[in-house]
Structures are given as C-alpha cells and as structure tokens.
Amino acid sequence: MVKLGLFVRLEAKPGKEEDVASFLTGALDLVNDEAETPIWFAVRFGPSSFAIFDAFEDSGGREDHMGGKVAAALMARAGELFSNKIDLELFDVLAVKLPEGEGSSS
C-alpha cells in the first residue's frame, strides 16, 4: 500500500516546453528501474506547466527515489529547462483507489 508521496511542480523556460515534455517522457525509462517507486506520473497542466507525482510504500523508497537517476537528471538540467526553483513537496497519502486486485488504503 502506498503511504507517502512526492510532488514536484515544474515551469518550463520560454521555448523549452517541448524539451521538458520530452525529458519527462524519457524519465519513465529511468523510473521503471526503481522497484520501490510503484506509482509515478509526469503531467502537463498547460503549455509550460508540468509536474511529477509519485507515491511510495515507505520513506526508504521515497528517499531512494529522491536520490536516484531521475532526480539527478532533473537537477543536472534544471538551469537549462526550468524557470522555477525545483521544490519538492512531501506528503502523506490518506486514501487511494487502485485498480481491482492491487489493494487500497484508507
């Protein structure tokens, strides 16, 4: 059951919107190698507004992800791609609905 999460809002620099979209799409390959990251979304809210949303079973999985390849790549390209400071927002999952057979928490 997922109990913890991470939310990162990202704002693309002017002219870098599609580069950010490509970066986030490509990051899926990296996060697929993380067994302790069962839920990961890269989303787009508008032309230049993006976010990453993840959920984890425990703090160890979240910490491993925050020190992993996706985070390293994000920080390495931050100055090139993003107009905002990258802020990580940690949260507790209060309830979740998962596809049937995958469990749920409340």
Protein backbone atom coordinates (compact mmCIF):
# COMPACT_ATOMS: atom_id res chain seq x y z
CA MET A 1 0.00 0.00 0.00
CA VAL A 2 1.27 3.44 -0.83
CA LYS A 3 1.54 5.71 2.20
CA LEU A 4 3.81 8.57 1.15
CA GLY A 5 4.17 10.81 -1.85
CA LEU A 6 6.23 13.42 -3.61
CA PHE A 7 5.02 16.30 -5.79
CA VAL A 8 7.31 18.46 -7.93
CA ARG A 9 5.90 21.39 -9.90
CA LEU A 10 7.98 22.44 -12.91
CA GLU A 11 7.66 25.53 -15.08
CA ALA A 12 9.42 25.38 -18.46
CA LYS A 13 11.56 28.27 -19.62
CA PRO A 14 10.14 30.03 -22.69
CA GLY A 15 10.96 27.96 -25.75
CA LYS A 16 11.81 24.85 -23.67
CA GLU A 17 8.28 23.49 -23.28
CA GLU A 18 8.69 20.55 -25.66
CA ASP A 19 12.15 19.81 -24.27
CA VAL A 20 10.60 19.48 -20.81
CA ALA A 21 7.83 17.23 -22.18
CA SER A 22 10.45 15.03 -23.87
CA PHE A 23 12.59 14.95 -20.74
CA LEU A 24 9.66 13.82 -18.60
CA THR A 25 8.52 11.23 -21.13
CA GLY A 26 12.05 9.82 -21.28
CA ALA A 27 12.32 9.75 -17.49
CA LEU A 28 9.79 6.91 -17.44
CA ASP A 29 12.54 4.53 -18.59
CA LEU A 30 14.64 5.50 -15.58
CA VAL A 31 11.84 5.27 -13.04
CA ASN A 32 10.74 1.88 -14.41
CA ASP A 33 14.02 0.53 -12.98
CA GLU A 34 13.03 1.68 -9.46
CA ALA A 35 11.24 -1.22 -7.76
CA GLU A 36 10.35 0.98 -4.78
CA THR A 37 8.53 3.57 -6.92
CA PRO A 38 5.23 1.83 -7.69
CA ILE A 39 3.35 4.95 -8.80
CA TRP A 40 4.86 7.71 -10.94
CA PHE A 41 3.18 10.31 -13.11
CA ALA A 42 4.60 13.06 -15.28
CA VAL A 43 1.82 15.53 -16.08
CA ARG A 44 1.25 18.70 -18.05
CA PHE A 45 -1.14 21.37 -16.79
CA GLY A 46 -0.75 23.82 -19.66
CA PRO A 47 1.70 24.95 -22.31
CA SER A 48 4.60 25.45 -19.89
CA SER A 49 3.39 23.97 -16.57
CA PHE A 50 4.38 20.42 -15.64
CA ALA A 51 4.67 18.25 -12.55
CA ILE A 52 5.88 14.91 -11.30
CA PHE A 53 3.72 12.98 -8.85
CA ASP A 54 4.99 9.82 -7.15
CA ALA A 55 3.75 7.55 -4.38
CA PHE A 56 5.70 5.11 -2.21
CA GLU A 57 5.10 2.40 0.35
CA ASP A 58 7.62 3.79 2.82
CA SER A 59 10.10 6.57 3.48
CA GLY A 60 13.03 4.43 2.31
CA GLY A 61 11.51 4.09 -1.15
CA ARG A 62 10.84 7.81 -1.33
CA GLU A 63 14.36 8.68 -0.19
CA ASP A 64 15.88 6.23 -2.70
CA HIS A 65 13.85 7.84 -5.48
CA MET A 66 14.86 11.35 -4.42
CA GLY A 67 18.50 10.25 -4.64
CA GLY A 68 18.02 8.28 -7.86
CA LYS A 69 18.64 8.74 -11.55
CA VAL A 70 15.52 10.79 -12.32
CA ALA A 71 16.30 13.28 -9.57
CA ALA A 72 19.93 13.52 -10.69
CA ALA A 73 18.92 14.13 -14.31
CA LEU A 74 16.32 16.69 -13.22
CA MET A 75 18.85 18.65 -11.19
CA ALA A 76 21.51 18.42 -13.93
CA ARG A 77 19.17 20.03 -16.47
CA ALA A 78 17.28 22.38 -14.13
CA GLY A 79 19.07 25.55 -15.22
CA GLU A 80 18.58 24.72 -18.88
CA LEU A 81 14.91 23.71 -18.77
CA PHE A 82 13.08 25.29 -15.85
CA SER A 83 12.24 28.87 -14.95
CA ASN A 84 11.30 27.98 -11.37
CA LYS A 85 13.27 26.68 -8.44
CA ILE A 86 12.63 22.96 -8.12
CA ASP A 87 10.71 22.47 -4.90
CA LEU A 88 9.86 19.01 -3.64
CA GLU A 89 6.64 18.73 -1.72
CA LEU A 90 6.42 15.66 0.50
CA PHE A 91 3.01 14.38 1.57
CA ASP A 92 1.21 11.56 3.34
CA VAL A 93 -1.34 9.55 1.35
CA LEU A 94 -4.62 9.46 3.25
CA ALA A 95 -6.59 7.28 0.84
CA VAL A 96 -6.08 5.75 -2.58
CA LYS A 97 -8.13 3.85 -5.11
CA LEU A 98 -6.15 1.36 -7.16
CA PRO A 99 -7.23 -0.97 -9.93
CA GLU A 100 -9.01 -4.05 -8.59
CA GLY A 101 -6.63 -6.61 -7.14
CA GLU A 102 -3.92 -4.10 -6.26
CA GLY A 103 -5.20 -3.20 -2.77
CA SER A 104 -6.16 0.12 -1.24
CA SER A 105 -5.53 2.12 1.89
CA SER A 106 -7.65 4.46 3.92
